[in-house]
Amino acid sequence: MPQSGADALTAAARDQVDLTEPLLLYVLVPLWLAAGFADWLCHRRACLASNSGPKESLLHLLMFAEVGVPLLAALLLQINSGWFVLAIVAFFAHEATALWDVSYATRTRWVGPVEQHVHSFLEMIPLMGILLMAVRHGDAVLALIGLGTQPPQFALQWKDPPLPPAYLGCLLAAIVWLELVPYLQELRRGLRRYRA
């Protein structure tokens, strides 16, 4: 007996492979790391310490924190409605800080087309992450807007099952060495130049 259209769609949906987690973990997060490091290279080439100085470096560290907190929460905690609230608030805070950063930077130094293009990645990757998480955890999003089958959950709970320790260890090491250390070094150079 031939399948009806609705039955065929249900069967196709059941057979579909969920690629959201591999895309988040192995494409989007590494892309964010690469864009952040590329931005630091642009700053180094522009001799940030000599022109815009420590203020711009502090703005970069603020944006790092605005993206880093929801990222760490997603890596370590269960995703629920509370995570989406955190991520959305952090996204808009990041966008406001990015606007502040570019407004300040363009008054003190040249911001070339490569750096501007890198900035576009750094601004949109968090949004792509939130959208992929919404596809993966649609129930938590629907609960936030009152359309879920259950009330929104905001409890902080460790991810169960946790992500593989090797992945977490490599990722955290990459974040420290490709993002945190270079940007702290950028701030140190700016402060040293500012005091001189």
N, C-alpha and C. Protein backbone atom coordinates (compact mmCIF):
# COMPACT_ATOMS: atom_id res chain seq x y z
N MET A 1 0.84 -1.18 0.00
CA MET A 1 0.00 0.00 0.00
C MET A 1 0.89 1.24 0.00
N PRO A 2 0.66 2.19 -0.94
CA PRO A 2 1.50 3.39 -1.01
C PRO A 2 1.31 4.28 0.23
N GLN A 3 2.43 4.96 0.61
CA GLN A 3 2.39 5.87 1.77
C GLN A 3 1.72 7.18 1.40
N SER A 4 0.98 7.74 2.37
CA SER A 4 0.42 9.07 2.15
C SER A 4 1.54 10.09 2.24
N GLY A 5 1.28 11.31 1.81
CA GLY A 5 2.28 12.37 1.86
C GLY A 5 2.76 12.66 3.28
N ALA A 6 1.84 12.69 4.24
CA ALA A 6 2.20 12.96 5.63
C ALA A 6 3.05 11.84 6.20
N ASP A 7 2.71 10.57 5.87
CA ASP A 7 3.50 9.43 6.36
C ASP A 7 4.91 9.46 5.76
N ALA A 8 5.01 9.82 4.50
CA ALA A 8 6.33 9.89 3.86
C ALA A 8 7.18 10.98 4.49
N LEU A 9 6.58 12.13 4.80
CA LEU A 9 7.34 13.21 5.46
C LEU A 9 7.79 12.79 6.85
N THR A 10 6.93 12.12 7.59
CA THR A 10 7.29 11.65 8.93
C THR A 10 8.43 10.65 8.86
N ALA A 11 8.37 9.74 7.92
CA ALA A 11 9.44 8.75 7.76
C ALA A 11 10.74 9.43 7.36
N ALA A 12 10.68 10.42 6.47
CA ALA A 12 11.88 11.13 6.04
C ALA A 12 12.49 11.90 7.20
N ALA A 13 11.67 12.53 8.02
CA ALA A 13 12.16 13.27 9.17
C ALA A 13 12.82 12.33 10.17
N ARG A 14 12.26 11.15 10.35
CA ARG A 14 12.80 10.17 11.29
C ARG A 14 14.16 9.67 10.81
N ASP A 15 14.33 9.54 9.51
CA ASP A 15 15.56 9.02 8.94
C ASP A 15 16.64 10.09 8.78
N GLN A 16 16.30 11.33 8.99
CA GLN A 16 17.24 12.43 8.79
C GLN A 16 18.34 12.41 9.85
N VAL A 17 19.55 12.70 9.44
CA VAL A 17 20.69 12.75 10.36
C VAL A 17 20.78 14.15 10.94
N ASP A 18 20.99 14.24 12.25
CA ASP A 18 21.13 15.54 12.92
C ASP A 18 22.59 15.97 12.85
N LEU A 19 22.86 16.96 12.04
CA LEU A 19 24.23 17.47 11.87
C LEU A 19 24.51 18.71 12.71
N THR A 20 23.54 19.14 13.53
CA THR A 20 23.75 20.40 14.24
C THR A 20 24.93 20.32 15.21
N GLU A 21 25.03 19.24 15.99
CA GLU A 21 26.13 19.16 16.96
C GLU A 21 27.50 19.13 16.28
N PRO A 22 27.73 18.27 15.26
CA PRO A 22 29.04 18.32 14.60
C PRO A 22 29.33 19.68 13.94
N LEU A 23 28.29 20.31 13.38
CA LEU A 23 28.51 21.64 12.79
C LEU A 23 28.92 22.66 13.85
N LEU A 24 28.26 22.61 15.01
CA LEU A 24 28.60 23.54 16.09
C LEU A 24 30.01 23.29 16.61
N LEU A 25 30.30 22.03 16.93
CA LEU A 25 31.57 21.70 17.59
C LEU A 25 32.78 21.72 16.67
N TYR A 26 32.60 21.27 15.43
CA TYR A 26 33.76 21.06 14.57
C TYR A 26 33.86 22.01 13.38
N VAL A 27 32.85 22.86 13.21
CA VAL A 27 32.91 23.87 12.15
C VAL A 27 32.80 25.27 12.74
N LEU A 28 31.70 25.54 13.44
CA LEU A 28 31.44 26.91 13.91
C LEU A 28 32.45 27.36 14.97
N VAL A 29 32.70 26.54 15.98
CA VAL A 29 33.64 26.93 17.04
C VAL A 29 35.06 27.12 16.48
N PRO A 30 35.59 26.18 15.66
CA PRO A 30 36.91 26.43 15.07
C PRO A 30 36.93 27.68 14.17
N LEU A 31 35.83 27.93 13.46
CA LEU A 31 35.76 29.13 12.63
C LEU A 31 35.83 30.39 13.49
N TRP A 32 35.13 30.37 14.65
CA TRP A 32 35.20 31.50 15.59
C TRP A 32 36.63 31.70 16.07
N LEU A 33 37.32 30.59 16.44
CA LEU A 33 38.71 30.69 16.89
C LEU A 33 39.61 31.27 15.80
N ALA A 34 39.43 30.79 14.58
CA ALA A 34 40.25 31.28 13.46
C ALA A 34 39.98 32.76 13.20
N ALA A 35 38.73 33.17 13.25
CA ALA A 35 38.41 34.59 13.01
C ALA A 35 38.96 35.46 14.12
N GLY A 36 38.87 35.00 15.37
CA GLY A 36 39.42 35.77 16.49
C GLY A 36 40.92 35.93 16.37
N PHE A 37 41.62 34.87 15.98
CA PHE A 37 43.07 34.95 15.81
C PHE A 37 43.43 35.83 14.62
N ALA A 38 42.65 35.72 13.54
CA ALA A 38 42.90 36.58 12.37
C ALA A 38 42.71 38.05 12.74
N ASP A 39 41.71 38.35 13.58
CA ASP A 39 41.49 39.73 14.02
C ASP A 39 42.69 40.22 14.82
N TRP A 40 43.21 39.37 15.70
CA TRP A 40 44.40 39.74 16.47
C TRP A 40 45.58 40.02 15.54
N LEU A 41 45.73 39.21 14.49
CA LEU A 41 46.82 39.45 13.53
C LEU A 41 46.64 40.81 12.84
N CYS A 42 45.39 41.15 12.53
CA CYS A 42 45.12 42.48 11.94
C CYS A 42 45.51 43.58 12.91
N HIS A 43 45.20 43.41 14.18
CA HIS A 43 45.55 44.42 15.19
C HIS A 43 47.06 44.54 15.31
N ARG A 44 47.73 43.42 15.28
CA ARG A 44 49.20 43.43 15.40
C ARG A 44 49.81 44.17 14.21
N ARG A 45 49.28 43.90 13.03
CA ARG A 45 49.79 44.57 11.83
C ARG A 45 49.52 46.07 11.89
N ALA A 46 48.40 46.46 12.51
CA ALA A 46 48.04 47.88 12.60
C ALA A 46 48.76 48.59 13.75
N CYS A 47 49.60 47.86 14.49
CA CYS A 47 50.33 48.43 15.63
C CYS A 47 49.36 49.11 16.60
N LEU A 48 48.40 48.35 17.06
CA LEU A 48 47.35 48.85 17.94
C LEU A 48 47.91 49.61 19.14
N ALA A 49 49.00 49.12 19.70
CA ALA A 49 49.57 49.75 20.90
C ALA A 49 49.98 51.19 20.63
N SER A 50 50.34 51.50 19.38
CA SER A 50 50.83 52.85 19.05
C SER A 50 49.72 53.83 18.72
N ASN A 51 48.52 53.35 18.43
CA ASN A 51 47.48 54.29 18.03
C ASN A 51 46.25 54.23 18.95
N SER A 52 45.43 53.19 18.84
CA SER A 52 44.21 53.17 19.66
C SER A 52 44.46 52.70 21.09
N GLY A 53 45.54 52.00 21.32
CA GLY A 53 46.01 51.69 22.66
C GLY A 53 45.14 50.76 23.48
N PRO A 54 45.28 50.85 24.82
CA PRO A 54 44.64 49.88 25.71
C PRO A 54 43.12 49.94 25.71
N LYS A 55 42.52 51.07 25.37
CA LYS A 55 41.06 51.13 25.38
C LYS A 55 40.48 50.15 24.37
N GLU A 56 41.04 50.11 23.18
CA GLU A 56 40.52 49.17 22.18
C GLU A 56 40.78 47.73 22.62
N SER A 57 41.93 47.48 23.22
CA SER A 57 42.22 46.12 23.71
C SER A 57 41.23 45.70 24.78
N LEU A 58 40.86 46.61 25.66
CA LEU A 58 39.86 46.29 26.69
C LEU A 58 38.50 45.98 26.05
N LEU A 59 38.16 46.71 24.99
CA LEU A 59 36.91 46.42 24.28
C LEU A 59 36.95 45.02 23.66
N HIS A 60 38.12 44.63 23.15
CA HIS A 60 38.26 43.29 22.56
C HIS A 60 38.07 42.22 23.63
N LEU A 61 38.65 42.44 24.80
CA LEU A 61 38.50 41.47 25.89
C LEU A 61 37.04 41.41 26.37
N LEU A 62 36.36 42.54 26.37
CA LEU A 62 34.94 42.55 26.74
C LEU A 62 34.13 41.73 25.75
N MET A 63 34.39 41.90 24.46
CA MET A 63 33.67 41.12 23.45
C MET A 63 33.99 39.62 23.58
N PHE A 64 35.24 39.32 23.90
CA PHE A 64 35.64 37.93 24.12
C PHE A 64 34.80 37.32 25.25
N ALA A 65 34.63 38.06 26.33
CA ALA A 65 33.82 37.59 27.47
C ALA A 65 32.35 37.46 27.08
N GLU A 66 31.84 38.41 26.29
CA GLU A 66 30.43 38.38 25.90
C GLU A 66 30.10 37.15 25.06
N VAL A 67 31.05 36.69 24.27
CA VAL A 67 30.83 35.48 23.48
C VAL A 67 31.25 34.24 24.28
N GLY A 68 32.29 34.40 25.08
CA GLY A 68 32.85 33.26 25.81
C GLY A 68 31.94 32.69 26.88
N VAL A 69 31.20 33.53 27.58
CA VAL A 69 30.34 33.02 28.67
C VAL A 69 29.26 32.09 28.13
N PRO A 70 28.49 32.49 27.10
CA PRO A 70 27.49 31.53 26.58
C PRO A 70 28.14 30.30 25.93
N LEU A 71 29.32 30.48 25.34
CA LEU A 71 30.00 29.33 24.74
C LEU A 71 30.37 28.32 25.82
N LEU A 72 31.00 28.79 26.90
CA LEU A 72 31.36 27.88 27.99
C LEU A 72 30.12 27.23 28.60
N ALA A 73 29.05 28.01 28.75
CA ALA A 73 27.81 27.45 29.27
C ALA A 73 27.28 26.35 28.35
N ALA A 74 27.36 26.55 27.05
CA ALA A 74 26.88 25.55 26.10
C ALA A 74 27.74 24.29 26.13
N LEU A 75 29.02 24.46 26.39
CA LEU A 75 29.93 23.32 26.43
C LEU A 75 29.78 22.49 27.70
N LEU A 76 29.45 23.15 28.80
CA LEU A 76 29.47 22.48 30.10
C LEU A 76 28.10 22.19 30.71
N LEU A 77 27.09 22.97 30.31
CA LEU A 77 25.77 22.87 30.96
C LEU A 77 24.70 22.36 30.01
N GLN A 78 23.61 21.84 30.60
CA GLN A 78 22.45 21.44 29.81
C GLN A 78 21.87 22.69 29.14
N ILE A 79 21.47 22.54 27.90
CA ILE A 79 20.86 23.65 27.18
C ILE A 79 19.38 23.69 27.55
N ASN A 80 18.95 24.85 28.04
CA ASN A 80 17.54 25.03 28.37
C ASN A 80 17.16 26.47 28.03
N SER A 81 15.99 26.88 28.42
CA SER A 81 15.52 28.23 28.10
C SER A 81 16.44 29.29 28.69
N GLY A 82 16.98 29.02 29.87
CA GLY A 82 17.90 29.96 30.49
C GLY A 82 19.12 30.22 29.64
N TRP A 83 19.63 29.15 28.98
CA TRP A 83 20.80 29.35 28.11
C TRP A 83 20.44 30.28 26.96
N PHE A 84 19.26 30.12 26.39
CA PHE A 84 18.86 30.98 25.27
C PHE A 84 18.74 32.44 25.70
N VAL A 85 18.22 32.69 26.90
CA VAL A 85 18.16 34.06 27.40
C VAL A 85 19.58 34.62 27.52
N LEU A 86 20.48 33.85 28.15
CA LEU A 86 21.88 34.28 28.29
C LEU A 86 22.50 34.57 26.93
N ALA A 87 22.33 33.65 25.99
CA ALA A 87 22.97 33.78 24.68
C ALA A 87 22.43 34.98 23.90
N ILE A 88 21.13 35.21 23.97
CA ILE A 88 20.53 36.33 23.23
C ILE A 88 20.97 37.67 23.83
N VAL A 89 20.95 37.76 25.16
CA VAL A 89 21.42 38.99 25.82
C VAL A 89 22.89 39.23 25.50
N ALA A 90 23.70 38.18 25.57
CA ALA A 90 25.13 38.30 25.27
C ALA A 90 25.34 38.71 23.80
N PHE A 91 24.53 38.16 22.90
CA PHE A 91 24.67 38.52 21.48
C PHE A 91 24.44 40.02 21.28
N PHE A 92 23.36 40.55 21.86
CA PHE A 92 23.08 41.98 21.67
C PHE A 92 24.12 42.85 22.38
N ALA A 93 24.60 42.40 23.53
CA ALA A 93 25.68 43.14 24.21
C ALA A 93 26.93 43.13 23.34
N HIS A 94 27.24 41.99 22.73
CA HIS A 94 28.40 41.88 21.85
C HIS A 94 28.26 42.80 20.64
N GLU A 95 27.07 42.85 20.07
CA GLU A 95 26.84 43.74 18.93
C GLU A 95 27.04 45.21 19.32
N ALA A 96 26.52 45.59 20.48
CA ALA A 96 26.69 46.98 20.94
C ALA A 96 28.15 47.29 21.19
N THR A 97 28.88 46.34 21.80
CA THR A 97 30.30 46.55 22.06
C THR A 97 31.08 46.60 20.75
N ALA A 98 30.71 45.77 19.79
CA ALA A 98 31.38 45.77 18.48
C ALA A 98 31.20 47.12 17.79
N LEU A 99 30.02 47.69 17.89
CA LEU A 99 29.77 49.02 17.31
C LEU A 99 30.62 50.07 18.01
N TRP A 100 30.68 50.01 19.32
CA TRP A 100 31.51 50.92 20.11
C TRP A 100 32.98 50.77 19.72
N ASP A 101 33.43 49.52 19.59
CA ASP A 101 34.82 49.23 19.24
C ASP A 101 35.18 49.82 17.87
N VAL A 102 34.36 49.53 16.87
CA VAL A 102 34.68 50.01 15.52
C VAL A 102 34.58 51.54 15.44
N SER A 103 33.62 52.12 16.14
CA SER A 103 33.51 53.59 16.16
C SER A 103 34.77 54.21 16.76
N TYR A 104 35.26 53.61 17.83
CA TYR A 104 36.48 54.12 18.46
C TYR A 104 37.70 53.87 17.56
N ALA A 105 37.81 52.65 17.05
CA ALA A 105 38.99 52.27 16.25
C ALA A 105 39.13 53.13 15.00
N THR A 106 38.03 53.39 14.31
CA THR A 106 38.12 54.14 13.05
C THR A 106 38.49 55.61 13.28
N ARG A 107 38.33 56.10 14.52
CA ARG A 107 38.77 57.46 14.83
C ARG A 107 40.26 57.53 15.17
N THR A 108 40.85 56.37 15.50
CA THR A 108 42.24 56.38 15.97
C THR A 108 43.21 55.67 15.04
N ARG A 109 42.70 54.85 14.14
CA ARG A 109 43.59 54.10 13.24
C ARG A 109 42.83 53.67 11.99
N TRP A 110 43.57 53.16 11.03
CA TRP A 110 42.98 52.66 9.80
C TRP A 110 42.50 51.23 10.03
N VAL A 111 41.25 50.97 9.67
CA VAL A 111 40.67 49.63 9.75
C VAL A 111 40.45 49.17 8.32
N GLY A 112 41.32 48.28 7.86
CA GLY A 112 41.30 47.87 6.46
C GLY A 112 40.20 46.89 6.12
N PRO A 113 40.04 46.61 4.82
CA PRO A 113 38.96 45.73 4.37
C PRO A 113 39.09 44.30 4.90
N VAL A 114 40.30 43.78 5.05
CA VAL A 114 40.46 42.42 5.58
C VAL A 114 39.95 42.37 7.02
N GLU A 115 40.35 43.36 7.83
CA GLU A 115 39.89 43.40 9.22
C GLU A 115 38.37 43.57 9.30
N GLN A 116 37.81 44.39 8.44
CA GLN A 116 36.35 44.56 8.43
C GLN A 116 35.65 43.25 8.08
N HIS A 117 36.24 42.51 7.13
CA HIS A 117 35.65 41.23 6.74
C HIS A 117 35.73 40.22 7.89
N VAL A 118 36.85 40.21 8.59
CA VAL A 118 37.01 39.34 9.76
C VAL A 118 35.97 39.70 10.81
N HIS A 119 35.74 41.02 11.01
CA HIS A 119 34.73 41.47 11.97
C HIS A 119 33.35 40.92 11.63
N SER A 120 33.05 40.83 10.33
CA SER A 120 31.72 40.32 9.95
C SER A 120 31.55 38.87 10.41
N PHE A 121 32.62 38.08 10.34
CA PHE A 121 32.56 36.71 10.85
C PHE A 121 32.35 36.72 12.36
N LEU A 122 33.13 37.55 13.06
CA LEU A 122 33.05 37.59 14.52
C LEU A 122 31.69 38.06 15.01
N GLU A 123 31.01 38.83 14.22
CA GLU A 123 29.68 39.29 14.62
C GLU A 123 28.59 38.27 14.32
N MET A 124 28.73 37.53 13.22
CA MET A 124 27.65 36.63 12.82
C MET A 124 27.81 35.21 13.35
N ILE A 125 29.01 34.78 13.70
CA ILE A 125 29.18 33.42 14.21
C ILE A 125 28.36 33.18 15.47
N PRO A 126 28.33 34.12 16.44
CA PRO A 126 27.46 33.87 17.60
C PRO A 126 25.98 33.71 17.22
N LEU A 127 25.52 34.51 16.27
CA LEU A 127 24.13 34.38 15.83
C LEU A 127 23.89 33.01 15.17
N MET A 128 24.84 32.57 14.34
CA MET A 128 24.71 31.25 13.71
C MET A 128 24.67 30.17 14.78
N GLY A 129 25.49 30.34 15.83
CA GLY A 129 25.49 29.36 16.91
C GLY A 129 24.15 29.31 17.62
N ILE A 130 23.59 30.47 17.91
CA ILE A 130 22.28 30.51 18.59
C ILE A 130 21.21 29.85 17.72
N LEU A 131 21.24 30.14 16.42
CA LEU A 131 20.24 29.56 15.52
C LEU A 131 20.38 28.05 15.41
N LEU A 132 21.62 27.54 15.32
CA LEU A 132 21.81 26.09 15.27
C LEU A 132 21.36 25.44 16.58
N MET A 133 21.64 26.12 17.70
CA MET A 133 21.19 25.59 18.99
C MET A 133 19.65 25.60 19.06
N ALA A 134 19.02 26.60 18.46
CA ALA A 134 17.55 26.66 18.43
C ALA A 134 16.98 25.50 17.62
N VAL A 135 17.65 25.14 16.54
CA VAL A 135 17.21 23.99 15.75
C VAL A 135 17.35 22.72 16.59
N ARG A 136 18.44 22.62 17.32
CA ARG A 136 18.72 21.43 18.13
C ARG A 136 17.85 21.34 19.38
N HIS A 137 17.52 22.49 19.96
CA HIS A 137 16.77 22.54 21.23
C HIS A 137 15.52 23.41 21.07
N GLY A 138 14.74 23.13 20.05
CA GLY A 138 13.55 23.92 19.77
C GLY A 138 12.55 23.97 20.90
N ASP A 139 12.48 22.90 21.69
CA ASP A 139 11.55 22.87 22.81
C ASP A 139 11.86 23.96 23.83
N ALA A 140 13.16 24.23 24.07
CA ALA A 140 13.55 25.27 25.04
C ALA A 140 13.21 26.66 24.51
N VAL A 141 13.32 26.85 23.20
CA VAL A 141 12.98 28.14 22.60
C VAL A 141 11.47 28.35 22.64
N LEU A 142 10.72 27.33 22.25
CA LEU A 142 9.25 27.43 22.26
C LEU A 142 8.72 27.67 23.67
N ALA A 143 9.35 27.06 24.66
CA ALA A 143 8.93 27.27 26.05
C ALA A 143 9.10 28.73 26.45
N LEU A 144 10.14 29.38 25.94
CA LEU A 144 10.40 30.79 26.26
C LEU A 144 9.28 31.70 25.76
N ILE A 145 8.70 31.35 24.64
CA ILE A 145 7.66 32.22 24.07
C ILE A 145 6.25 31.68 24.34
N GLY A 146 6.15 30.73 25.27
CA GLY A 146 4.85 30.23 25.68
C GLY A 146 4.21 29.23 24.75
N LEU A 147 4.96 28.67 23.81
CA LEU A 147 4.40 27.71 22.86
C LEU A 147 4.87 26.29 23.11
N GLY A 148 5.68 26.10 24.13
CA GLY A 148 6.21 24.77 24.42
C GLY A 148 5.21 23.88 25.11
N THR A 149 5.54 22.62 25.17
CA THR A 149 4.68 21.65 25.86
C THR A 149 4.94 21.68 27.37
N GLN A 150 6.06 22.30 27.77
CA GLN A 150 6.41 22.41 29.18
C GLN A 150 6.83 23.85 29.47
N PRO A 151 6.83 24.25 30.75
CA PRO A 151 7.27 25.61 31.07
C PRO A 151 8.78 25.75 30.84
N PRO A 152 9.26 26.97 30.66
CA PRO A 152 10.70 27.16 30.45
C PRO A 152 11.51 26.73 31.67
N GLN A 153 12.67 26.16 31.41
CA GLN A 153 13.58 25.72 32.47
C GLN A 153 14.78 26.66 32.52
N PHE A 154 15.18 27.03 33.73
CA PHE A 154 16.31 27.95 33.89
C PHE A 154 17.39 27.39 34.81
N ALA A 155 17.24 26.16 35.27
CA ALA A 155 18.19 25.58 36.23
C ALA A 155 19.55 25.35 35.58
N LEU A 156 20.61 25.55 36.37
CA LEU A 156 21.97 25.25 35.92
C LEU A 156 22.27 23.80 36.26
N GLN A 157 22.47 23.00 35.22
CA GLN A 157 22.78 21.58 35.42
C GLN A 157 23.91 21.19 34.49
N TRP A 158 24.81 20.35 34.98
CA TRP A 158 25.92 19.89 34.14
C TRP A 158 25.37 19.12 32.95
N LYS A 159 26.05 19.25 31.83
CA LYS A 159 25.65 18.54 30.60
C LYS A 159 25.71 17.04 30.86
N ASP A 160 24.64 16.35 30.45
CA ASP A 160 24.57 14.91 30.65
C ASP A 160 24.05 14.26 29.38
N PRO A 161 24.85 13.54 28.63
CA PRO A 161 26.24 13.23 28.93
C PRO A 161 27.15 14.41 28.59
N PRO A 162 28.30 14.49 29.27
CA PRO A 162 29.23 15.59 28.98
C PRO A 162 29.90 15.39 27.62
N LEU A 163 30.43 16.49 27.10
CA LEU A 163 31.21 16.39 25.86
C LEU A 163 32.49 15.61 26.16
N PRO A 164 33.07 15.00 25.14
CA PRO A 164 34.30 14.22 25.37
C PRO A 164 35.40 15.09 26.01
N PRO A 165 36.06 14.59 27.06
CA PRO A 165 37.12 15.37 27.72
C PRO A 165 38.24 15.80 26.77
N ALA A 166 38.58 14.95 25.80
CA ALA A 166 39.64 15.32 24.86
C ALA A 166 39.23 16.54 24.04
N TYR A 167 37.98 16.57 23.59
CA TYR A 167 37.50 17.73 22.83
C TYR A 167 37.54 18.98 23.70
N LEU A 168 36.99 18.88 24.91
CA LEU A 168 36.96 20.04 25.81
C LEU A 168 38.37 20.53 26.13
N GLY A 169 39.27 19.61 26.43
CA GLY A 169 40.65 20.00 26.75
C GLY A 169 41.33 20.70 25.59
N CYS A 170 41.20 20.14 24.39
CA CYS A 170 41.82 20.76 23.20
C CYS A 170 41.20 22.12 22.92
N LEU A 171 39.87 22.21 23.04
CA LEU A 171 39.20 23.47 22.75
C LEU A 171 39.59 24.54 23.76
N LEU A 172 39.58 24.21 25.04
CA LEU A 172 39.94 25.20 26.05
C LEU A 172 41.39 25.64 25.90
N ALA A 173 42.29 24.71 25.56
CA ALA A 173 43.68 25.08 25.30
C ALA A 173 43.77 26.01 24.10
N ALA A 174 43.02 25.72 23.04
CA ALA A 174 43.03 26.59 21.86
C ALA A 174 42.48 27.97 22.19
N ILE A 175 41.43 28.03 22.99
CA ILE A 175 40.86 29.33 23.37
C ILE A 175 41.89 30.14 24.15
N VAL A 176 42.57 29.49 25.09
CA VAL A 176 43.58 30.20 25.89
C VAL A 176 44.71 30.69 25.01
N TRP A 177 45.27 29.80 24.16
CA TRP A 177 46.48 30.16 23.41
C TRP A 177 46.22 30.95 22.14
N LEU A 178 45.06 30.79 21.53
CA LEU A 178 44.78 31.52 20.28
C LEU A 178 43.97 32.80 20.51
N GLU A 179 43.30 32.90 21.66
CA GLU A 179 42.45 34.06 21.90
C GLU A 179 42.89 34.84 23.14
N LEU A 180 42.85 34.21 24.29
CA LEU A 180 43.08 34.93 25.54
C LEU A 180 44.51 35.47 25.65
N VAL A 181 45.50 34.62 25.45
CA VAL A 181 46.89 35.07 25.59
C VAL A 181 47.24 36.17 24.58
N PRO A 182 46.92 36.02 23.29
CA PRO A 182 47.25 37.11 22.36
C PRO A 182 46.57 38.44 22.71
N TYR A 183 45.29 38.39 23.12
CA TYR A 183 44.60 39.64 23.44
C TYR A 183 45.09 40.26 24.75
N LEU A 184 45.49 39.42 25.71
CA LEU A 184 46.11 39.97 26.92
C LEU A 184 47.47 40.58 26.60
N GLN A 185 48.19 39.94 25.69
CA GLN A 185 49.48 40.49 25.24
C GLN A 185 49.26 41.83 24.54
N GLU A 186 48.22 41.92 23.74
CA GLU A 186 47.86 43.17 23.06
C GLU A 186 47.59 44.27 24.10
N LEU A 187 46.84 43.93 25.13
CA LEU A 187 46.55 44.90 26.19
C LEU A 187 47.82 45.31 26.91
N ARG A 188 48.68 44.36 27.21
CA ARG A 188 49.95 44.65 27.90
C ARG A 188 50.81 45.62 27.09
N ARG A 189 50.92 45.36 25.78
CA ARG A 189 51.70 46.27 24.92
C ARG A 189 51.10 47.66 24.92
N GLY A 190 49.77 47.73 24.86
CA GLY A 190 49.11 49.03 24.86
C GLY A 190 49.31 49.78 26.16
N LEU A 191 49.21 49.07 27.28
CA LEU A 191 49.42 49.71 28.59
C LEU A 191 50.87 50.17 28.74
N ARG A 192 51.80 49.36 28.29
CA ARG A 192 53.21 49.75 28.38
C ARG A 192 53.48 51.00 27.54
N ARG A 193 52.92 51.02 26.35
CA ARG A 193 53.10 52.20 25.47
C ARG A 193 52.41 53.42 26.05
N TYR A 194 51.23 53.22 26.64
CA TYR A 194 50.45 54.31 27.21
C TYR A 194 51.19 54.95 28.39
N ARG A 195 51.85 54.11 29.20
CA ARG A 195 52.57 54.63 30.36
C ARG A 195 53.89 55.29 30.00
N ALA A 196 54.43 54.92 28.85
CA ALA A 196 55.76 55.46 28.46
C ALA A 196 55.71 56.94 28.09
